[in-house]
Amino acid sequence: MKKFNLCSEGKCCPEVTVENDEVIIVDDDGGKVKLTREQVKILWENLK
């Protein structure tokens, strides 16, 4: 398992957890998004 934060200036600091084939992003208010690695690849391709 790998955990890290996506901190920017200010208080916005989502926590990312990567475990097996799942990526979970939790925002400062506790909102949660679960993505598969395949969905993350699609997201990344669309950000380019």
Protein backbone atom coordinates (compact mmCIF):
# COMPACT_ATOMS: atom_id res chain seq x y z
CA MET A 1 0.00 0.00 0.00
CA LYS A 2 1.18 3.52 -0.80
CA LYS A 3 -0.22 6.74 0.73
CA PHE A 4 0.53 10.36 -0.13
CA ASN A 5 -1.11 13.78 -0.10
CA LEU A 6 -1.88 16.11 -3.00
CA CYS A 7 -1.18 19.34 -1.14
CA SER A 8 -1.40 22.74 -2.72
CA GLU A 9 -1.25 26.16 -1.17
CA GLY A 10 -3.95 26.55 1.44
CA LYS A 11 -5.91 23.84 3.19
CA CYS A 12 -6.82 21.66 0.20
CA CYS A 13 -4.84 18.47 0.82
CA PRO A 14 -6.52 15.30 -0.51
CA GLU A 15 -5.08 11.97 0.62
CA VAL A 16 -4.37 9.29 -1.99
CA THR A 17 -4.14 5.60 -1.14
CA VAL A 18 -2.96 3.10 -3.75
CA GLU A 19 -3.56 -0.55 -2.92
CA ASN A 20 -3.48 -3.37 -5.45
CA ASP A 21 -5.60 -2.21 -8.41
CA GLU A 22 -7.51 0.52 -6.54
CA VAL A 23 -6.75 4.20 -6.08
CA ILE A 24 -8.76 5.98 -3.37
CA ILE A 25 -8.78 9.78 -3.07
CA VAL A 26 -10.27 11.32 0.09
CA ASP A 27 -10.82 15.09 0.25
CA ASP A 28 -10.60 17.35 3.30
CA ASP A 29 -14.33 16.88 3.99
CA GLY A 30 -14.15 13.07 3.89
CA GLY A 31 -15.58 12.71 0.38
CA LYS A 32 -14.17 9.59 -1.28
CA VAL A 33 -13.54 8.57 -4.88
CA LYS A 34 -12.43 5.05 -5.80
CA LEU A 35 -10.77 4.45 -9.16
CA THR A 36 -9.24 1.41 -10.77
CA ARG A 37 -5.75 1.71 -12.24
CA GLU A 38 -7.36 1.55 -15.69
CA GLN A 39 -9.60 4.52 -14.83
CA VAL A 40 -6.54 6.44 -13.61
CA LYS A 41 -4.83 5.77 -16.96
CA ILE A 42 -7.88 7.13 -18.80
CA LEU A 43 -7.91 10.19 -16.53
CA TRP A 44 -4.19 10.80 -17.12
CA GLU A 45 -4.57 10.51 -20.90
CA ASN A 46 -7.36 13.10 -20.86
CA LEU A 47 -5.29 15.53 -18.79
CA LYS A 48 -2.52 15.69 -21.41
